[in-house]
Amino acid sequence: MGESLRYVPAFAVLRVDDGPSDHPSRVQEFVIDGVTVPTAGPANVIVKEVVMTAEEARREVIRLNALNAQGGCRYYWQATHVFIDGGSHGSRGRELVRPEDTEPGAAEDGRGR
């Protein structure tokens, strides 16, 4: 059997801005394992923070929605998890590449080894 990945429950607080989700100035790409991919998600969705309890996420969403009632955005929370030792389900059985293990300048411009 392979090594079990250790993770804990977590809760992401998300900000969703009004307006277009695909403005060209917000589209970026980076390279993972030699494959060029766009940045994650639409440009109008941002993970504001990750907290450790659903109650804390709920309170923060209520606070932020009240604070920004006229601000052109809404806040939500979503259950997720955090891997204690780094990695992901997809990295099981694959060596993790740390930024310090890449060629000079690679971490800054998105190039891996």
Protein backbone atom coordinates (compact mmCIF):
# COMPACT_ATOMS: atom_id res chain seq x y z
CA MET A 1 0.00 0.00 0.00
CA GLY A 2 1.14 3.57 -0.72
CA GLU A 3 1.67 6.26 1.85
CA SER A 4 -1.53 7.91 3.03
CA LEU A 5 -1.71 11.68 2.53
CA ARG A 6 -2.59 13.53 5.73
CA TYR A 7 -5.07 16.38 5.52
CA VAL A 8 -7.42 18.31 7.76
CA PRO A 9 -10.80 19.91 7.04
CA ALA A 10 -10.68 23.60 6.17
CA PHE A 11 -13.09 26.24 4.89
CA ALA A 12 -12.30 28.76 2.14
CA VAL A 13 -13.81 32.24 2.23
CA LEU A 14 -14.45 33.28 -1.39
CA ARG A 15 -14.99 36.73 -2.88
CA VAL A 16 -17.01 36.95 -6.11
CA ASP A 17 -16.83 40.35 -7.82
CA ASP A 18 -19.55 41.71 -10.09
CA GLY A 19 -18.62 42.29 -13.72
CA PRO A 20 -16.87 40.29 -16.43
CA SER A 21 -15.05 37.15 -15.31
CA ASP A 22 -12.64 36.96 -18.24
CA HIS A 23 -11.08 40.41 -18.64
CA PRO A 24 -7.89 39.91 -20.73
CA SER A 25 -5.69 41.81 -18.28
CA ARG A 26 -6.46 39.19 -15.60
CA VAL A 27 -5.63 36.09 -17.69
CA GLN A 28 -2.23 34.59 -16.89
CA GLU A 29 -0.52 31.27 -17.51
CA PHE A 30 2.12 29.23 -15.74
CA VAL A 31 3.89 25.89 -16.27
CA ILE A 32 3.40 22.74 -14.18
CA ASP A 33 5.39 19.64 -15.12
CA GLY A 34 6.06 21.11 -18.58
CA VAL A 35 2.39 21.82 -19.30
CA THR A 36 1.19 25.42 -19.72
CA VAL A 37 -2.06 26.07 -17.85
CA PRO A 38 -4.11 29.22 -17.15
CA THR A 39 -4.40 30.55 -13.62
CA ALA A 40 -7.09 28.83 -11.64
CA GLY A 41 -10.68 29.94 -11.95
CA PRO A 42 -12.34 33.00 -13.37
CA ALA A 43 -10.69 36.33 -12.61
CA ASN A 44 -13.67 37.57 -10.60
CA VAL A 45 -13.39 34.78 -7.98
CA ILE A 46 -10.75 35.13 -5.25
CA VAL A 47 -9.97 32.96 -2.25
CA LYS A 48 -9.75 35.57 0.51
CA GLU A 49 -8.63 33.20 3.24
CA VAL A 50 -8.84 29.65 4.55
CA VAL A 51 -10.02 29.05 8.12
CA MET A 52 -10.24 25.90 10.18
CA THR A 53 -13.93 25.82 11.18
CA ALA A 54 -17.22 26.21 9.35
CA GLU A 55 -18.44 28.55 12.09
CA GLU A 56 -15.46 30.90 11.60
CA ALA A 57 -16.03 30.88 7.83
CA ARG A 58 -19.74 31.61 8.33
CA ARG A 59 -19.03 34.53 10.69
CA GLU A 60 -16.43 35.99 8.32
CA VAL A 61 -18.80 35.77 5.33
CA ILE A 62 -21.55 37.53 7.29
CA ARG A 63 -19.11 40.25 8.44
CA LEU A 64 -17.65 40.84 4.97
CA ASN A 65 -21.04 40.91 3.22
CA ALA A 66 -22.28 43.50 5.74
CA LEU A 67 -19.09 45.56 5.40
CA ASN A 68 -19.20 45.49 1.59
CA ALA A 69 -22.97 45.65 1.08
CA GLN A 70 -22.60 48.31 -1.66
CA GLY A 71 -19.17 47.17 -2.89
CA GLY A 72 -20.01 45.18 -6.02
CA CYS A 73 -18.99 41.82 -4.56
CA ARG A 74 -20.38 38.98 -2.46
CA TYR A 75 -18.63 36.57 -0.10
CA TYR A 76 -19.31 32.83 0.26
CA TRP A 77 -17.65 29.92 2.03
CA GLN A 78 -16.80 26.46 0.75
CA ALA A 79 -15.65 23.34 2.60
CA THR A 80 -12.25 22.01 1.49
CA HIS A 81 -9.14 20.48 3.09
CA VAL A 82 -5.46 21.30 3.62
CA PHE A 83 -2.66 18.76 3.17
CA ILE A 84 -0.51 18.83 6.31
CA ASP A 85 2.75 17.86 4.57
CA GLY A 86 2.08 19.72 1.31
CA GLY A 87 1.16 18.06 -1.95
CA SER A 88 -2.25 17.02 -3.21
CA HIS A 89 -4.17 13.89 -4.16
CA GLY A 90 -2.59 14.25 -7.62
CA SER A 91 0.97 14.35 -6.28
CA ARG A 92 0.77 10.93 -4.62
CA GLY A 93 3.68 8.82 -5.85
CA ARG A 94 5.34 11.83 -7.49
CA GLU A 95 8.26 13.74 -6.05
CA LEU A 96 7.25 17.24 -5.00
CA VAL A 97 9.32 20.01 -6.61
CA ARG A 98 10.26 22.79 -4.22
CA PRO A 99 11.00 26.30 -5.59
CA GLU A 100 14.59 26.11 -4.32
CA ASP A 101 15.12 22.95 -6.42
CA THR A 102 14.34 24.69 -9.71
CA GLU A 103 16.73 26.51 -11.99
CA PRO A 104 17.53 30.15 -11.11
CA GLY A 105 14.64 32.47 -11.85
CA ALA A 106 12.20 29.61 -12.46
CA ALA A 107 10.03 30.35 -9.41
CA GLU A 108 9.59 33.96 -10.48
CA ASP A 109 8.51 33.30 -14.06
CA GLY A 110 6.61 30.00 -13.53
CA ARG A 111 9.09 27.66 -15.18
CA GLY A 112 9.71 24.32 -13.47
CA ARG A 113 12.64 21.99 -13.95
